[in-house]
N, C-alpha and C. Protein backbone atom coordinates (compact mmCIF):
# COMPACT_ATOMS: atom_id res chain seq x y z
N UNK A 1 4.51 5.63 -16.93
CA UNK A 1 4.26 5.26 -15.55
C UNK A 1 2.94 5.90 -15.12
N UNK A 2 2.07 5.11 -14.52
CA UNK A 2 0.77 5.61 -14.07
C UNK A 2 0.83 5.94 -12.59
N UNK A 3 0.07 6.95 -12.20
CA UNK A 3 0.02 7.33 -10.80
C UNK A 3 -1.41 7.64 -10.41
N UNK A 4 -1.74 7.37 -9.15
CA UNK A 4 -3.03 7.77 -8.61
C UNK A 4 -2.79 8.18 -7.16
N UNK A 5 -3.38 9.29 -6.76
CA UNK A 5 -3.23 9.75 -5.38
C UNK A 5 -4.39 9.20 -4.56
N UNK A 6 -4.06 8.70 -3.39
CA UNK A 6 -5.07 8.15 -2.50
C UNK A 6 -4.87 8.75 -1.12
N UNK A 7 -5.94 9.21 -0.52
CA UNK A 7 -5.85 9.71 0.85
C UNK A 7 -6.00 8.56 1.82
N UNK A 8 -5.06 8.43 2.75
CA UNK A 8 -5.13 7.41 3.79
C UNK A 8 -5.66 8.10 5.03
N UNK A 9 -6.88 7.80 5.39
CA UNK A 9 -7.49 8.56 6.47
C UNK A 9 -8.00 7.71 7.62
N UNK A 10 -7.89 6.40 7.54
CA UNK A 10 -8.47 5.55 8.57
C UNK A 10 -7.99 5.89 9.97
N UNK A 11 -6.74 5.64 10.26
CA UNK A 11 -6.19 5.81 11.59
C UNK A 11 -5.66 7.22 11.77
N UNK A 12 -5.18 7.81 10.71
CA UNK A 12 -4.49 9.08 10.79
C UNK A 12 -5.40 10.18 11.33
N UNK A 13 -6.66 10.20 10.90
CA UNK A 13 -7.58 11.22 11.40
C UNK A 13 -7.73 11.13 12.91
N UNK A 14 -7.81 9.93 13.42
CA UNK A 14 -7.93 9.73 14.87
C UNK A 14 -6.70 10.24 15.59
N UNK A 15 -5.52 9.96 15.05
CA UNK A 15 -4.28 10.40 15.67
C UNK A 15 -4.22 11.93 15.67
N UNK A 16 -4.55 12.55 14.55
CA UNK A 16 -4.52 14.01 14.46
C UNK A 16 -5.48 14.63 15.47
N UNK A 17 -6.68 14.11 15.55
CA UNK A 17 -7.67 14.62 16.49
C UNK A 17 -7.17 14.45 17.93
N UNK A 18 -6.56 13.29 18.23
CA UNK A 18 -6.03 13.03 19.57
C UNK A 18 -4.96 14.07 19.93
N UNK A 19 -4.07 14.37 18.98
CA UNK A 19 -3.02 15.35 19.25
C UNK A 19 -3.60 16.73 19.53
N UNK A 20 -4.64 17.10 18.80
CA UNK A 20 -5.24 18.41 19.03
C UNK A 20 -5.96 18.48 20.37
N UNK A 21 -6.68 17.43 20.71
CA UNK A 21 -7.48 17.42 21.94
C UNK A 21 -6.61 17.33 23.18
N UNK A 22 -5.52 16.57 23.10
CA UNK A 22 -4.69 16.35 24.28
C UNK A 22 -3.58 17.38 24.45
N UNK A 23 -3.50 18.33 23.55
CA UNK A 23 -2.46 19.35 23.66
C UNK A 23 -2.68 20.17 24.93
N UNK A 24 -1.61 20.38 25.69
CA UNK A 24 -1.70 21.14 26.94
C UNK A 24 -1.60 22.65 26.71
N UNK A 25 -1.27 23.03 25.51
CA UNK A 25 -1.12 24.46 25.22
C UNK A 25 -2.23 24.92 24.29
N UNK A 26 -2.51 26.21 24.36
CA UNK A 26 -3.48 26.77 23.43
C UNK A 26 -2.75 27.04 22.12
N UNK A 27 -3.31 26.55 21.04
CA UNK A 27 -2.69 26.73 19.74
C UNK A 27 -3.35 27.90 19.02
N UNK A 28 -2.55 28.74 18.44
CA UNK A 28 -3.11 29.84 17.67
C UNK A 28 -3.56 29.30 16.31
N UNK A 29 -4.35 30.06 15.61
CA UNK A 29 -4.89 29.63 14.33
C UNK A 29 -3.79 29.28 13.34
N UNK A 30 -2.72 30.07 13.29
CA UNK A 30 -1.62 29.80 12.37
C UNK A 30 -0.98 28.45 12.67
N UNK A 31 -0.76 28.15 13.95
CA UNK A 31 -0.18 26.86 14.32
C UNK A 31 -1.09 25.71 13.88
N UNK A 32 -2.39 25.89 14.07
CA UNK A 32 -3.34 24.86 13.64
C UNK A 32 -3.30 24.67 12.13
N UNK A 33 -3.21 25.76 11.38
CA UNK A 33 -3.15 25.65 9.92
C UNK A 33 -1.88 24.94 9.47
N UNK A 34 -0.76 25.25 10.11
CA UNK A 34 0.50 24.57 9.78
C UNK A 34 0.39 23.09 10.08
N UNK A 35 -0.17 22.75 11.24
CA UNK A 35 -0.35 21.34 11.59
C UNK A 35 -1.26 20.64 10.59
N UNK A 36 -2.34 21.30 10.19
CA UNK A 36 -3.28 20.70 9.25
C UNK A 36 -2.60 20.47 7.90
N UNK A 37 -1.79 21.43 7.44
CA UNK A 37 -1.07 21.28 6.18
C UNK A 37 -0.14 20.07 6.24
N UNK A 38 0.61 19.95 7.33
CA UNK A 38 1.52 18.81 7.49
C UNK A 38 0.74 17.51 7.52
N UNK A 39 -0.40 17.51 8.19
CA UNK A 39 -1.25 16.34 8.28
C UNK A 39 -1.75 15.93 6.90
N UNK A 40 -2.21 16.88 6.10
CA UNK A 40 -2.73 16.58 4.76
C UNK A 40 -1.62 16.09 3.84
N UNK A 41 -0.42 16.63 3.98
CA UNK A 41 0.71 16.17 3.16
C UNK A 41 1.02 14.72 3.49
N UNK A 42 0.94 14.37 4.76
CA UNK A 42 1.26 13.01 5.18
C UNK A 42 0.23 12.02 4.67
N UNK A 43 -1.01 12.48 4.51
CA UNK A 43 -2.07 11.59 4.04
C UNK A 43 -1.92 11.23 2.57
N UNK A 44 -1.35 12.09 1.77
CA UNK A 44 -1.31 11.87 0.33
C UNK A 44 -0.28 10.81 -0.04
N UNK A 45 -0.76 9.80 -0.73
CA UNK A 45 0.07 8.69 -1.17
C UNK A 45 -0.15 8.52 -2.67
N UNK A 46 0.94 8.30 -3.39
CA UNK A 46 0.85 8.02 -4.82
C UNK A 46 1.22 6.56 -5.05
N UNK A 47 0.34 5.82 -5.71
CA UNK A 47 0.64 4.45 -6.10
C UNK A 47 1.20 4.48 -7.51
N UNK A 48 2.23 3.67 -7.75
CA UNK A 48 2.91 3.65 -9.03
C UNK A 48 3.06 2.20 -9.50
N UNK A 49 2.66 1.95 -10.74
CA UNK A 49 2.85 0.64 -11.35
C UNK A 49 4.19 0.62 -12.08
N UNK A 50 5.02 -0.37 -11.77
CA UNK A 50 6.29 -0.58 -12.46
C UNK A 50 6.10 -1.85 -13.29
N UNK A 51 6.17 -1.72 -14.60
CA UNK A 51 5.84 -2.85 -15.48
C UNK A 51 6.99 -3.82 -15.70
N UNK A 52 8.22 -3.42 -15.34
CA UNK A 52 9.37 -4.32 -15.48
C UNK A 52 9.24 -5.44 -14.46
N UNK A 53 9.13 -6.70 -14.92
CA UNK A 53 8.94 -7.81 -13.96
C UNK A 53 10.13 -7.98 -13.03
N UNK A 54 9.82 -8.23 -11.77
CA UNK A 54 10.83 -8.47 -10.74
C UNK A 54 10.32 -9.53 -9.78
N UNK A 55 11.24 -10.18 -9.06
CA UNK A 55 10.82 -11.07 -7.97
C UNK A 55 10.30 -10.17 -6.85
N UNK A 56 9.65 -10.76 -5.86
CA UNK A 56 9.10 -9.96 -4.77
C UNK A 56 10.21 -9.21 -4.03
N UNK A 57 11.32 -9.90 -3.76
CA UNK A 57 12.44 -9.28 -3.04
C UNK A 57 13.07 -8.15 -3.86
N UNK A 58 13.25 -8.38 -5.16
CA UNK A 58 13.76 -7.32 -6.03
C UNK A 58 12.78 -6.14 -6.07
N UNK A 59 11.49 -6.47 -6.09
CA UNK A 59 10.45 -5.43 -6.11
C UNK A 59 10.51 -4.59 -4.84
N UNK A 60 10.66 -5.24 -3.70
CA UNK A 60 10.75 -4.52 -2.44
C UNK A 60 11.95 -3.58 -2.45
N UNK A 61 13.10 -4.07 -2.87
CA UNK A 61 14.31 -3.24 -2.93
C UNK A 61 14.12 -2.07 -3.88
N UNK A 62 13.55 -2.33 -5.05
CA UNK A 62 13.32 -1.27 -6.03
C UNK A 62 12.40 -0.19 -5.47
N UNK A 63 11.29 -0.61 -4.89
CA UNK A 63 10.34 0.36 -4.33
C UNK A 63 10.96 1.18 -3.21
N UNK A 64 11.75 0.55 -2.38
CA UNK A 64 12.38 1.27 -1.28
C UNK A 64 13.44 2.25 -1.78
N UNK A 65 14.09 1.91 -2.87
CA UNK A 65 15.13 2.80 -3.42
C UNK A 65 14.52 3.97 -4.19
N UNK A 66 13.47 3.72 -4.96
CA UNK A 66 12.93 4.75 -5.86
C UNK A 66 11.62 5.39 -5.37
N UNK A 67 10.97 4.78 -4.42
CA UNK A 67 9.69 5.28 -3.91
C UNK A 67 9.73 5.20 -2.38
N UNK A 68 8.70 4.65 -1.76
CA UNK A 68 8.71 4.44 -0.32
C UNK A 68 8.80 2.95 0.00
N UNK A 69 7.92 2.15 -0.58
CA UNK A 69 7.91 0.71 -0.36
C UNK A 69 6.93 0.08 -1.33
N UNK A 70 6.80 -1.25 -1.26
CA UNK A 70 5.75 -1.93 -2.00
C UNK A 70 4.40 -1.45 -1.49
N UNK A 71 3.40 -1.47 -2.34
CA UNK A 71 2.08 -0.96 -1.98
C UNK A 71 1.46 -1.73 -0.83
N UNK A 72 0.95 -1.00 0.15
CA UNK A 72 0.13 -1.56 1.21
C UNK A 72 -1.30 -1.12 0.91
N UNK A 73 -2.19 -2.09 0.77
CA UNK A 73 -3.58 -1.81 0.41
C UNK A 73 -4.41 -1.99 1.66
N UNK A 74 -4.95 -0.90 2.19
CA UNK A 74 -5.57 -0.93 3.51
C UNK A 74 -7.09 -0.99 3.53
N UNK A 75 -7.72 -0.84 2.36
CA UNK A 75 -9.19 -0.91 2.33
C UNK A 75 -9.65 -1.11 0.89
N UNK A 76 -10.94 -1.33 0.72
CA UNK A 76 -11.48 -1.62 -0.60
C UNK A 76 -11.36 -0.42 -1.54
N UNK A 77 -11.45 0.78 -1.03
CA UNK A 77 -11.31 1.97 -1.87
C UNK A 77 -9.91 2.01 -2.48
N UNK A 78 -8.88 1.77 -1.65
CA UNK A 78 -7.52 1.74 -2.17
C UNK A 78 -7.33 0.59 -3.15
N UNK A 79 -7.92 -0.57 -2.84
CA UNK A 79 -7.80 -1.71 -3.74
C UNK A 79 -8.37 -1.37 -5.12
N UNK A 80 -9.50 -0.70 -5.13
CA UNK A 80 -10.12 -0.31 -6.40
C UNK A 80 -9.25 0.69 -7.15
N UNK A 81 -8.68 1.64 -6.44
CA UNK A 81 -7.86 2.66 -7.10
C UNK A 81 -6.58 2.08 -7.68
N UNK A 82 -5.92 1.18 -6.95
CA UNK A 82 -4.71 0.58 -7.52
C UNK A 82 -5.08 -0.44 -8.61
N UNK A 83 -6.26 -1.04 -8.50
CA UNK A 83 -6.73 -1.97 -9.52
C UNK A 83 -6.81 -1.28 -10.88
N UNK A 84 -7.17 -0.01 -10.86
CA UNK A 84 -7.30 0.76 -12.11
C UNK A 84 -5.95 1.00 -12.80
N UNK A 85 -4.85 0.83 -12.08
CA UNK A 85 -3.52 1.03 -12.66
C UNK A 85 -3.05 -0.15 -13.49
N UNK A 86 -3.49 -1.35 -13.15
CA UNK A 86 -2.96 -2.57 -13.76
C UNK A 86 -3.79 -2.95 -14.99
N UNK A 87 -3.13 -3.18 -16.12
CA UNK A 87 -3.85 -3.56 -17.33
C UNK A 87 -4.67 -4.85 -17.13
N UNK A 88 -5.75 -4.96 -17.86
CA UNK A 88 -6.65 -6.11 -17.75
C UNK A 88 -5.89 -7.42 -17.90
N UNK A 89 -6.21 -8.35 -17.03
CA UNK A 89 -5.64 -9.69 -17.09
C UNK A 89 -4.28 -9.84 -16.46
N UNK A 90 -3.70 -8.79 -15.89
CA UNK A 90 -2.38 -8.88 -15.29
C UNK A 90 -2.45 -8.89 -13.77
N UNK A 91 -1.36 -9.36 -13.19
CA UNK A 91 -1.20 -9.38 -11.74
C UNK A 91 0.06 -8.59 -11.40
N UNK A 92 0.11 -8.08 -10.16
CA UNK A 92 1.28 -7.32 -9.73
C UNK A 92 1.55 -7.59 -8.25
N UNK A 93 2.83 -7.55 -7.89
CA UNK A 93 3.21 -7.72 -6.49
C UNK A 93 2.70 -6.55 -5.65
N UNK A 94 2.22 -6.86 -4.45
CA UNK A 94 1.95 -5.85 -3.43
C UNK A 94 2.81 -6.21 -2.22
N UNK A 95 2.76 -5.40 -1.18
CA UNK A 95 3.69 -5.54 -0.07
C UNK A 95 3.34 -6.52 1.03
N UNK A 96 2.38 -7.40 0.81
CA UNK A 96 1.99 -8.36 1.83
C UNK A 96 2.82 -9.64 1.69
N UNK A 97 3.32 -10.18 2.81
CA UNK A 97 4.09 -11.42 2.77
C UNK A 97 3.76 -12.28 3.97
N UNK A 98 4.05 -13.60 3.82
CA UNK A 98 3.65 -14.58 4.82
C UNK A 98 4.63 -14.63 6.00
N UNK A 99 4.54 -13.70 6.87
CA UNK A 99 5.19 -13.73 8.18
C UNK A 99 4.07 -13.25 9.08
N UNK A 100 3.11 -14.13 9.31
CA UNK A 100 1.84 -13.77 9.93
C UNK A 100 1.12 -12.74 9.06
N UNK A 101 1.36 -12.79 7.75
CA UNK A 101 0.78 -11.88 6.77
C UNK A 101 0.98 -10.42 7.19
N UNK A 102 2.23 -9.99 7.06
CA UNK A 102 2.61 -8.62 7.41
C UNK A 102 2.81 -7.80 6.14
N UNK A 103 2.71 -6.47 6.29
CA UNK A 103 2.99 -5.56 5.19
C UNK A 103 4.47 -5.21 5.20
N UNK A 104 5.04 -5.09 4.03
CA UNK A 104 6.46 -4.80 3.85
C UNK A 104 6.89 -3.53 4.57
N UNK A 105 6.01 -2.51 4.60
CA UNK A 105 6.38 -1.24 5.24
C UNK A 105 6.14 -1.23 6.74
N UNK A 106 5.72 -2.37 7.29
CA UNK A 106 5.50 -2.47 8.73
C UNK A 106 4.17 -1.91 9.20
N UNK A 107 3.36 -1.42 8.27
CA UNK A 107 2.07 -0.84 8.66
C UNK A 107 1.12 -1.94 9.14
N UNK A 108 0.12 -1.51 9.87
CA UNK A 108 -0.82 -2.45 10.47
C UNK A 108 -2.19 -2.28 9.82
N UNK A 109 -2.60 -3.28 9.08
CA UNK A 109 -3.93 -3.26 8.47
C UNK A 109 -4.44 -4.68 8.40
N UNK A 110 -5.68 -4.86 8.79
CA UNK A 110 -6.27 -6.20 8.74
C UNK A 110 -7.01 -6.44 7.43
N UNK A 111 -7.05 -5.44 6.54
CA UNK A 111 -7.76 -5.61 5.27
C UNK A 111 -7.08 -6.69 4.43
N UNK A 112 -7.88 -7.64 3.94
CA UNK A 112 -7.41 -8.69 3.03
C UNK A 112 -8.50 -8.87 1.98
N UNK A 113 -8.08 -9.24 0.76
CA UNK A 113 -9.05 -9.43 -0.32
C UNK A 113 -8.66 -10.67 -1.13
N UNK A 114 -8.61 -11.80 -0.42
CA UNK A 114 -8.17 -13.06 -1.01
C UNK A 114 -9.17 -13.60 -2.04
N UNK A 115 -8.63 -14.19 -3.10
CA UNK A 115 -9.45 -14.94 -4.05
C UNK A 115 -9.94 -16.20 -3.33
N UNK A 116 -10.99 -16.79 -3.85
CA UNK A 116 -11.53 -18.00 -3.23
C UNK A 116 -10.45 -19.08 -3.17
N UNK A 117 -10.33 -19.72 -1.99
CA UNK A 117 -9.34 -20.77 -1.80
C UNK A 117 -7.94 -20.26 -1.49
N UNK A 118 -7.77 -18.97 -1.37
CA UNK A 118 -6.47 -18.37 -1.08
C UNK A 118 -6.45 -17.81 0.33
N UNK A 119 -5.32 -17.72 0.96
CA UNK A 119 -4.03 -18.26 0.52
C UNK A 119 -3.99 -19.77 0.72
N UNK A 120 -3.34 -20.47 -0.19
CA UNK A 120 -3.30 -21.93 -0.07
C UNK A 120 -1.90 -22.50 0.06
N UNK A 121 -0.88 -21.67 -0.11
CA UNK A 121 0.52 -22.10 0.00
C UNK A 121 0.80 -23.35 -0.82
N UNK A 122 0.27 -23.40 -2.04
CA UNK A 122 0.45 -24.54 -2.93
C UNK A 122 1.93 -24.80 -3.16
N UNK A 123 2.34 -26.01 -2.94
CA UNK A 123 3.74 -26.38 -3.08
C UNK A 123 4.60 -26.00 -1.90
N UNK A 124 4.00 -25.36 -0.89
CA UNK A 124 4.71 -25.03 0.34
C UNK A 124 5.67 -23.86 0.21
N UNK A 125 5.59 -23.08 -0.88
CA UNK A 125 6.55 -21.98 -1.04
C UNK A 125 5.89 -20.68 -1.50
N UNK A 126 4.62 -20.51 -1.24
CA UNK A 126 3.93 -19.29 -1.67
C UNK A 126 3.85 -18.32 -0.49
N UNK A 127 4.91 -17.54 -0.35
CA UNK A 127 5.05 -16.66 0.80
C UNK A 127 4.81 -15.18 0.50
N UNK A 128 4.55 -14.84 -0.75
CA UNK A 128 4.34 -13.45 -1.13
C UNK A 128 2.98 -13.30 -1.79
N UNK A 129 2.51 -12.06 -1.92
CA UNK A 129 1.15 -11.84 -2.41
C UNK A 129 1.15 -11.05 -3.71
N UNK A 130 0.40 -11.58 -4.66
CA UNK A 130 0.18 -10.92 -5.93
C UNK A 130 -1.30 -10.56 -6.01
N UNK A 131 -1.57 -9.39 -6.55
CA UNK A 131 -2.95 -8.94 -6.68
C UNK A 131 -3.35 -8.98 -8.14
N UNK A 132 -4.48 -9.61 -8.41
CA UNK A 132 -5.03 -9.66 -9.76
C UNK A 132 -5.78 -8.37 -10.03
N UNK A 133 -5.06 -7.29 -9.93
CA UNK A 133 -5.70 -5.97 -9.94
C UNK A 133 -6.30 -5.61 -11.29
N UNK A 134 -5.76 -6.15 -12.37
CA UNK A 134 -6.34 -5.90 -13.67
C UNK A 134 -7.43 -6.90 -14.01
N UNK A 135 -7.70 -7.81 -13.07
CA UNK A 135 -8.70 -8.85 -13.28
C UNK A 135 -9.92 -8.54 -12.42
N UNK A 136 -9.87 -8.98 -11.17
CA UNK A 136 -10.99 -8.75 -10.25
C UNK A 136 -10.55 -8.12 -8.94
N UNK A 137 -9.27 -7.83 -8.83
CA UNK A 137 -8.75 -7.20 -7.62
C UNK A 137 -8.45 -8.17 -6.49
N UNK A 138 -8.74 -9.45 -6.68
CA UNK A 138 -8.50 -10.44 -5.62
C UNK A 138 -7.01 -10.75 -5.51
N UNK A 139 -6.62 -11.27 -4.36
CA UNK A 139 -5.21 -11.54 -4.07
C UNK A 139 -4.95 -13.04 -4.01
N UNK A 140 -3.72 -13.42 -4.42
CA UNK A 140 -3.26 -14.80 -4.35
C UNK A 140 -1.90 -14.82 -3.69
N UNK A 141 -1.62 -15.92 -2.97
CA UNK A 141 -0.24 -16.12 -2.53
C UNK A 141 0.50 -16.74 -3.72
N UNK A 142 1.78 -16.46 -3.82
CA UNK A 142 2.56 -16.86 -4.98
C UNK A 142 4.01 -17.03 -4.54
N UNK A 143 4.79 -17.87 -5.24
CA UNK A 143 6.21 -17.98 -4.89
C UNK A 143 6.92 -16.63 -5.07
N UNK A 144 7.71 -16.24 -4.09
CA UNK A 144 8.39 -14.94 -4.11
C UNK A 144 9.38 -14.81 -5.25
N UNK A 145 9.86 -15.95 -5.79
CA UNK A 145 10.83 -15.93 -6.88
C UNK A 145 10.21 -15.71 -8.25
N UNK A 146 8.90 -15.75 -8.34
CA UNK A 146 8.19 -15.48 -9.60
C UNK A 146 8.41 -14.02 -9.98
N UNK A 147 8.57 -13.71 -11.25
CA UNK A 147 8.72 -12.31 -11.66
C UNK A 147 7.39 -11.75 -12.14
N UNK A 148 7.07 -10.56 -11.66
CA UNK A 148 5.80 -9.91 -11.97
C UNK A 148 6.01 -8.39 -11.97
N UNK A 149 5.08 -7.65 -12.60
CA UNK A 149 5.08 -6.19 -12.41
C UNK A 149 4.87 -5.89 -10.93
N UNK A 150 5.13 -4.66 -10.53
CA UNK A 150 5.04 -4.34 -9.10
C UNK A 150 4.26 -3.04 -8.88
N UNK A 151 3.67 -2.94 -7.70
CA UNK A 151 3.00 -1.72 -7.27
C UNK A 151 3.76 -1.14 -6.10
N UNK A 152 4.28 0.06 -6.27
CA UNK A 152 4.99 0.79 -5.23
C UNK A 152 4.08 1.92 -4.74
N UNK A 153 4.45 2.51 -3.63
CA UNK A 153 3.79 3.75 -3.23
C UNK A 153 4.84 4.75 -2.80
N UNK A 154 4.49 6.02 -2.94
CA UNK A 154 5.35 7.13 -2.51
C UNK A 154 4.52 8.08 -1.68
N UNK A 155 5.11 8.58 -0.61
CA UNK A 155 4.46 9.64 0.16
C UNK A 155 4.73 10.95 -0.53
N UNK A 156 3.72 11.78 -0.65
CA UNK A 156 3.87 13.08 -1.30
C UNK A 156 4.70 13.99 -0.42
N UNK A 157 5.67 14.63 -1.03
CA UNK A 157 6.46 15.62 -0.29
C UNK A 157 5.79 16.97 -0.42
N UNK A 158 5.75 17.70 0.68
CA UNK A 158 5.14 19.03 0.67
C UNK A 158 6.20 20.10 0.80
């Protein structure tokens, strides 16, 4: 099983800064250090490739049971890092699905990296997203019943 740690810092840094600035109490240095440690632990995410093929729904259940959820890819840096996990020429499920293109974990990210002509909903049943991460990193919509390797993520416990 391959793993890569990725720091998620887009929105989280803003939230952390907001909490510090809007605090009505004076925080001692120790309290700030504890908060910073908790903040850094929350940022650390491990992406994991599961090579056993599953349907998208099976993949979601597996990731939620053994990790946190299917991978949510929020920027090009993360896309490149998870791309390095998948062997050349393979595709893997990620957590994006066609319900206004939402992420499985409920997170909010507008980052998309569609292949040319995608999503096309060919055949009217391509409601889940597979990433050609071992190819060029581009994404395709695909039937959810197709079996593929999967990308999960786990939050690091501190």
